[in-house]
Amino acid sequence: QVQLVESGGGLVQAGGSLRLSCVASGSIDSINAMGWHRQAPGKQRELVAGIMRGGRIYYADSVKGRFTISRDNARNTVHLQMNSLKPEDTAVYYCNYKDGLFRDYWGQGTQVTVSS
């Protein structure tokens, strides 16, 4: 089992910044992927940014140039730096960990609210 603990959500004005962090613990594989998804009210959960196996980084088109994902392997931590936030970024953000067998683990979610 893998446990994920997220932090860093909150309320910010449009144009502001937030930094999300997620710490993984438990049965950590040497080969895995970590990323951030989000779910807005009435919408499906979507992948925002991820660091895939082998280090390839993915960003959704809607956040390219504004969000930066980074990882500290020694601390099993992944961060999401979010700049130039927009009201449409408002959602619950979930940390995701995919293990060597492609099983998904999820954090509890952290609310990000961007006011206009």
Protein backbone atom coordinates (compact mmCIF):
# COMPACT_ATOMS: atom_id res chain seq x y z
CA GLN A 1 0.00 0.00 0.00
CA VAL A 2 1.01 3.57 -0.65
CA GLN A 3 -0.22 6.56 1.31
CA LEU A 4 -0.28 10.06 -0.13
CA VAL A 5 -0.57 13.24 1.91
CA GLU A 6 -1.20 16.51 0.10
CA SER A 7 -0.77 20.06 1.27
CA GLY A 8 -0.76 23.58 -0.07
CA GLY A 9 -4.25 24.26 -1.37
CA GLY A 10 -6.20 27.39 -0.52
CA LEU A 11 -7.87 30.55 -1.76
CA VAL A 12 -6.02 32.93 -4.04
CA GLN A 13 -6.91 35.80 -6.34
CA ALA A 14 -6.62 35.47 -10.08
CA GLY A 15 -3.03 35.96 -11.16
CA GLY A 16 -1.70 34.60 -7.89
CA SER A 17 0.34 31.51 -7.12
CA LEU A 18 0.07 28.38 -5.01
CA ARG A 19 2.38 25.45 -4.46
CA LEU A 20 1.00 21.99 -3.85
CA SER A 21 3.05 19.22 -2.28
CA CYS A 22 2.45 15.50 -1.97
CA VAL A 23 4.45 13.07 0.12
CA ALA A 24 4.26 9.35 -0.63
CA SER A 25 4.96 6.71 1.98
CA GLY A 26 4.60 2.96 2.33
CA SER A 27 5.52 0.43 -0.37
CA ILE A 28 7.29 2.76 -2.78
CA ASP A 29 8.42 1.16 -6.03
CA SER A 30 11.70 2.12 -7.65
CA ILE A 31 9.76 2.53 -10.90
CA ASN A 32 6.66 4.64 -10.62
CA ALA A 33 4.90 7.72 -11.84
CA MET A 34 3.47 10.60 -9.88
CA GLY A 35 1.25 13.44 -10.88
CA TRP A 36 -1.60 15.77 -10.13
CA HIS A 37 -5.19 15.51 -11.29
CA ARG A 38 -8.04 17.89 -10.64
CA GLN A 39 -11.80 17.73 -10.55
CA ALA A 40 -14.06 20.75 -10.80
CA PRO A 41 -17.75 20.58 -9.82
CA GLY A 42 -19.75 18.80 -12.49
CA LYS A 43 -16.67 17.83 -14.47
CA GLN A 44 -14.59 14.71 -14.87
CA ARG A 45 -11.27 14.33 -13.15
CA GLU A 46 -8.45 15.34 -15.47
CA LEU A 47 -4.69 14.94 -15.48
CA VAL A 48 -3.02 18.29 -14.96
CA ALA A 49 0.64 17.37 -14.80
CA GLY A 50 2.65 14.21 -14.34
CA ILE A 51 6.17 12.83 -14.18
CA MET A 52 6.06 9.53 -16.02
CA ARG A 53 8.33 6.54 -15.84
CA GLY A 54 11.69 7.50 -17.24
CA GLY A 55 11.23 11.11 -16.26
CA ARG A 56 9.05 12.35 -19.10
CA ILE A 57 6.89 15.25 -18.00
CA TYR A 58 3.34 15.86 -19.15
CA TYR A 59 1.25 19.01 -18.87
CA ALA A 60 -2.33 19.55 -19.89
CA ASP A 61 -2.58 22.23 -22.56
CA SER A 62 -4.62 24.42 -20.23
CA VAL A 63 -1.74 24.76 -17.75
CA LYS A 64 1.33 24.78 -19.98
CA GLY A 65 3.56 27.74 -19.24
CA ARG A 66 1.84 28.39 -15.89
CA PHE A 67 2.30 25.21 -13.86
CA THR A 68 5.53 23.38 -13.09
CA ILE A 69 5.76 19.89 -11.66
CA SER A 70 8.87 18.72 -9.87
CA ARG A 71 9.91 15.71 -7.87
CA ASP A 72 12.26 14.97 -5.00
CA ASN A 73 12.96 11.26 -5.27
CA ALA A 74 14.93 11.13 -2.04
CA ARG A 75 11.86 12.37 -0.14
CA ASN A 76 9.21 10.67 -2.35
CA THR A 77 7.67 14.07 -2.83
CA VAL A 78 6.11 15.75 -5.82
CA HIS A 79 5.31 19.44 -6.06
CA LEU A 80 3.10 21.48 -8.33
CA GLN A 81 3.96 25.15 -8.62
CA MET A 82 0.96 26.99 -9.98
CA ASN A 83 1.44 30.53 -11.26
CA SER A 84 -0.86 32.97 -13.04
CA LEU A 85 -3.85 31.16 -11.63
CA LYS A 86 -7.23 31.61 -13.28
CA PRO A 87 -10.76 31.12 -11.91
CA GLU A 88 -11.08 28.09 -14.19
CA ASP A 89 -8.26 26.42 -12.25
CA THR A 90 -10.63 26.14 -9.29
CA ALA A 91 -10.98 22.46 -8.41
CA VAL A 92 -10.04 19.79 -5.94
CA TYR A 93 -6.51 18.70 -6.77
CA TYR A 94 -5.53 15.09 -6.19
CA CYS A 95 -2.08 13.60 -5.99
CA ASN A 96 -1.71 10.34 -7.88
CA TYR A 97 0.88 7.59 -7.57
CA LYS A 98 1.08 4.78 -10.10
CA ASP A 99 3.19 1.82 -9.03
CA GLY A 100 5.20 -0.67 -11.05
CA LEU A 101 2.08 -2.74 -11.71
CA PHE A 102 0.16 0.35 -12.88
CA ARG A 103 -2.02 0.40 -9.78
CA ASP A 104 -3.29 3.84 -8.84
CA TYR A 105 -3.20 5.41 -5.41
CA TRP A 106 -4.82 8.73 -4.57
CA GLY A 107 -4.45 11.42 -1.98
CA GLN A 108 -7.43 12.84 -0.13
CA GLY A 109 -7.54 15.95 -2.31
CA THR A 110 -6.85 19.58 -1.60
CA GLN A 111 -9.14 22.44 -2.58
CA VAL A 112 -7.80 25.22 -4.80
CA THR A 113 -10.10 28.21 -5.23
CA VAL A 114 -9.20 31.11 -7.50
CA SER A 115 -11.32 34.22 -7.17
CA SER A 116 -11.81 36.67 -10.00
